[in-house]
Amino acid sequence: MSDEIKNEVLEEKNPEVVEPEVEPEQPEVVQPDEVEQPEEPEKPSESVPLAKFMDEKKKRKELERILQEKQTLEEQQNRKVQEYQTFVQRGYPEQEAWNLANDKVNREFEDRKAREKYESKLFDLEIKDLVKNDAFYSDAESFKDEIKEKMRKLDCSMQDAYMLVRGPSRAREYQMQQEQRAKAQQAQSKTRKLETPSATPLKSNTANT
């Protein structure tokens, strides 16, 4: 038997194995990690200087921003999976279903981001008006994130939220500021009186007779 005939017989006995096509990967639901929330910094008081409070607040704000970004990405991914499954159930091919879900959820989150940005600008304008119209709330802009959070959670006014954030320490500070201002005004008033020359009587020009 020639070599060509032998090869033909071997190919008939051992037909080429066709591997099945690999199905596209299904998008996975992202499970949120157990992330510890940053601790609330102590409010400024006699034992906690304002500078220390602001420094701790800055660090906490950065941690919150990182955590918020992570949670938003997880939420966005899970929404895409939900929409993807809905489109597949409606009969769309898997790749098309994923593209539709991806576009839809991206639009939703872009709209939400734009809405939150607008609300944040509106809040900033309102808090600036509060600071401008009432000296008691002069430092409110330094605590606007905390005030906003209290207003959201408790559905209270900006003034009430400010008092919850600043507490009685602000009332004491404001009273001291008023007393110091009053003393300064009294001192200025006394200084002006001392600097004002007293009136001298006019000499008579009439000659003695």
Protein backbone atom coordinates (compact mmCIF):
# COMPACT_ATOMS: atom_id res chain seq x y z
CA MET A 1 0.00 0.00 0.00
CA SER A 2 1.46 3.36 -0.99
CA ASP A 3 2.04 6.16 1.54
CA GLU A 4 -0.69 8.35 -0.04
CA ILE A 5 -3.32 5.59 0.38
CA LYS A 6 -2.20 5.00 3.97
CA ASN A 7 -2.61 8.72 4.81
CA GLU A 8 -6.12 8.77 3.29
CA VAL A 9 -7.14 5.74 5.38
CA LEU A 10 -5.75 7.33 8.57
CA GLU A 11 -7.64 10.59 7.91
CA GLU A 12 -10.91 8.65 7.47
CA LYS A 13 -10.36 6.79 10.75
CA ASN A 14 -9.39 9.99 12.64
CA PRO A 15 -11.67 12.78 11.40
CA GLU A 16 -10.73 16.35 12.34
CA VAL A 17 -12.19 17.39 15.67
CA VAL A 18 -14.19 20.64 15.46
CA GLU A 19 -14.08 22.62 18.71
CA PRO A 20 -17.37 24.22 19.78
CA GLU A 21 -17.60 28.01 19.59
CA VAL A 22 -16.95 29.82 22.83
CA GLU A 23 -20.01 31.66 24.10
CA PRO A 24 -19.51 35.36 24.91
CA GLU A 25 -18.83 36.11 28.56
CA GLN A 26 -21.81 37.26 30.58
CA PRO A 27 -21.36 40.59 32.39
CA GLU A 28 -20.91 40.06 36.11
CA VAL A 29 -22.66 41.83 38.93
CA VAL A 30 -20.16 43.73 41.03
CA GLN A 31 -20.47 42.96 44.72
CA PRO A 32 -19.80 46.03 46.88
CA ASP A 33 -16.74 45.77 49.09
CA GLU A 34 -16.94 46.27 52.81
CA VAL A 35 -15.35 49.72 53.00
CA GLU A 36 -15.07 51.44 56.36
CA GLN A 37 -16.65 54.87 56.39
CA PRO A 38 -14.26 57.70 57.35
CA GLU A 39 -14.77 58.92 60.89
CA GLU A 40 -16.51 62.22 61.51
CA PRO A 41 -13.95 64.82 62.70
CA GLU A 42 -14.54 66.39 66.09
CA LYS A 43 -16.33 69.71 65.96
CA PRO A 44 -14.21 72.80 66.62
CA SER A 45 -14.26 73.74 70.28
CA GLU A 46 -11.95 75.02 73.00
CA SER A 47 -10.08 71.68 72.95
CA VAL A 48 -10.20 71.25 69.14
CA PRO A 49 -8.83 74.30 67.27
CA LEU A 50 -10.54 75.31 64.05
CA ALA A 51 -7.32 74.79 62.02
CA LYS A 52 -7.05 71.16 63.20
CA PHE A 53 -10.72 70.58 62.46
CA MET A 54 -10.36 71.97 58.92
CA ASP A 55 -7.31 69.77 58.26
CA GLU A 56 -9.12 66.62 59.41
CA LYS A 57 -12.17 67.66 57.43
CA LYS A 58 -10.08 68.00 54.26
CA LYS A 59 -8.67 64.48 54.69
CA ARG A 60 -12.12 63.06 55.37
CA LYS A 61 -13.55 64.78 52.31
CA GLU A 62 -10.89 63.19 50.07
CA LEU A 63 -11.65 59.73 51.50
CA GLU A 64 -15.36 60.30 50.94
CA ARG A 65 -14.71 61.34 47.33
CA ILE A 66 -12.74 58.14 46.62
CA LEU A 67 -15.40 56.00 48.28
CA GLN A 68 -18.19 57.76 46.39
CA GLU A 69 -16.47 57.22 43.04
CA LYS A 70 -16.04 53.52 43.79
CA GLN A 71 -19.68 53.11 44.83
CA THR A 72 -20.87 54.98 41.73
CA LEU A 73 -18.85 52.72 39.41
CA GLU A 74 -20.23 49.62 41.14
CA GLU A 75 -23.78 50.93 40.90
CA GLN A 76 -23.30 51.81 37.22
CA GLN A 77 -21.95 48.35 36.38
CA ASN A 78 -24.81 46.60 38.17
CA ARG A 79 -27.37 48.76 36.37
CA LYS A 80 -25.79 47.77 33.04
CA VAL A 81 -26.10 44.09 33.94
CA GLN A 82 -29.79 44.54 34.80
CA GLU A 83 -30.50 46.35 31.54
CA TYR A 84 -28.48 43.80 29.58
CA GLN A 85 -30.57 40.94 31.00
CA THR A 86 -33.76 42.83 30.17
CA PHE A 87 -32.71 43.32 26.53
CA VAL A 88 -31.70 39.65 26.20
CA GLN A 89 -35.09 38.56 27.53
CA ARG A 90 -36.72 40.76 24.90
CA GLY A 91 -34.89 38.81 22.19
CA TYR A 92 -31.91 41.01 21.36
CA PRO A 93 -28.60 39.30 20.46
CA GLU A 94 -26.17 39.35 23.36
CA GLN A 95 -23.69 41.83 21.90
CA GLU A 96 -26.42 44.22 20.81
CA ALA A 97 -28.12 43.84 24.20
CA TRP A 98 -24.90 44.84 25.95
CA ASN A 99 -24.35 47.85 23.66
CA LEU A 100 -27.91 49.07 24.28
CA ALA A 101 -27.60 48.58 28.03
CA ASN A 102 -24.25 50.37 28.10
CA ASP A 103 -25.56 53.41 26.18
CA LYS A 104 -28.76 53.65 28.24
CA VAL A 105 -27.06 53.51 31.64
CA ASN A 106 -24.30 55.93 30.61
CA ARG A 107 -26.95 58.47 29.61
CA GLU A 108 -28.78 57.98 32.91
CA PHE A 109 -25.64 58.63 34.96
CA GLU A 110 -24.62 61.62 32.85
CA ASP A 111 -28.07 63.16 33.40
CA ARG A 112 -27.85 62.50 37.13
CA LYS A 113 -24.40 64.06 37.32
CA ALA A 114 -25.60 67.18 35.49
CA ARG A 115 -28.61 67.46 37.83
CA GLU A 116 -26.43 67.11 40.94
CA LYS A 117 -24.04 69.75 39.60
CA TYR A 118 -26.92 72.19 39.07
CA GLU A 119 -28.31 71.54 42.56
CA SER A 120 -24.85 72.06 44.04
CA LYS A 121 -24.49 75.45 42.33
CA LEU A 122 -27.93 76.49 43.56
CA PHE A 123 -27.01 75.48 47.10
CA ASP A 124 -23.77 77.49 46.91
CA LEU A 125 -25.73 80.61 45.91
CA GLU A 126 -28.16 80.13 48.79
CA ILE A 127 -25.41 79.70 51.37
CA LYS A 128 -23.61 82.80 50.07
CA ASP A 129 -26.82 84.80 50.56
CA LEU A 130 -27.08 83.46 54.11
CA VAL A 131 -23.51 84.53 54.89
CA LYS A 132 -24.05 87.95 53.32
CA ASN A 133 -27.30 88.71 55.16
CA ASP A 134 -26.48 87.43 58.66
CA ALA A 135 -23.07 87.76 60.34
CA PHE A 136 -23.88 84.86 62.67
CA TYR A 137 -23.46 82.46 59.72
CA SER A 138 -20.25 84.10 58.47
CA ASP A 139 -18.31 80.81 58.40
CA ALA A 140 -21.11 78.71 56.86
CA GLU A 141 -19.28 78.28 53.56
CA SER A 142 -16.48 76.43 55.38
CA PHE A 143 -19.03 73.82 56.48
CA LYS A 144 -21.25 73.68 53.40
CA ASP A 145 -20.71 69.94 52.78
CA GLU A 146 -21.78 69.07 56.33
CA ILE A 147 -24.73 71.47 56.14
CA LYS A 148 -25.86 70.00 52.83
CA GLU A 149 -25.68 66.47 54.26
CA LYS A 150 -27.77 67.42 57.32
CA MET A 151 -30.37 69.12 55.13
CA ARG A 152 -30.61 66.01 52.95
CA LYS A 153 -30.87 63.52 55.82
CA LEU A 154 -33.14 65.51 58.14
CA ASP A 155 -35.06 67.62 55.60
CA CYS A 156 -34.39 70.74 57.69
CA SER A 157 -33.62 74.37 56.91
CA MET A 158 -30.13 75.64 56.16
CA GLN A 159 -30.07 77.56 59.45
CA ASP A 160 -31.05 74.50 61.50
CA ALA A 161 -28.50 72.37 59.67
CA TYR A 162 -25.80 74.96 60.42
CA MET A 163 -26.59 74.85 64.14
CA LEU A 164 -26.48 71.06 64.12
CA VAL A 165 -23.05 71.19 62.53
CA ARG A 166 -21.53 74.06 64.52
CA GLY A 167 -23.42 73.57 67.76
CA PRO A 168 -23.33 75.83 70.84
CA SER A 169 -19.64 76.62 70.23
CA ARG A 170 -20.64 78.97 67.42
CA ALA A 171 -23.04 80.86 69.69
CA ARG A 172 -20.22 81.42 72.20
CA GLU A 173 -17.83 82.47 69.43
CA TYR A 174 -20.36 84.93 68.03
CA GLN A 175 -21.03 86.44 71.47
CA MET A 176 -17.30 86.92 72.06
CA GLN A 177 -16.93 88.51 68.61
CA GLN A 178 -19.77 90.93 69.39
CA GLU A 179 -18.22 91.86 72.75
CA GLN A 180 -14.79 92.40 71.19
CA ARG A 181 -16.32 94.52 68.44
CA ALA A 182 -18.18 96.63 71.01
CA LYS A 183 -14.98 97.16 73.03
CA ALA A 184 -13.08 98.15 69.88
CA GLN A 185 -15.76 100.67 68.95
CA GLN A 186 -15.67 102.18 72.47
CA ALA A 187 -11.89 102.47 72.31
CA GLN A 188 -12.06 104.18 68.93
CA SER A 189 -14.70 106.58 70.22
CA LYS A 190 -12.52 107.57 73.22
CA THR A 191 -9.51 108.05 70.94
CA ARG A 192 -11.46 110.41 68.69
CA LYS A 193 -12.58 112.51 71.68
CA LEU A 194 -9.00 112.86 72.92
CA GLU A 195 -7.74 113.83 69.46
CA THR A 196 -10.43 116.51 68.93
CA PRO A 197 -9.00 119.95 69.94
CA SER A 198 -11.04 121.90 72.47
CA ALA A 199 -12.51 125.26 71.40
CA THR A 200 -10.42 128.29 72.54
CA PRO A 201 -12.21 131.57 73.45
CA LEU A 202 -11.75 134.49 71.08
CA LYS A 203 -9.69 137.46 72.36
CA SER A 204 -11.43 140.83 72.40
CA ASN A 205 -9.97 143.43 70.01
CA THR A 206 -11.60 146.36 71.88
CA ALA A 207 -9.00 148.78 73.25
CA ASN A 208 -9.10 149.69 76.92
CA THR A 209 -10.42 153.14 77.52
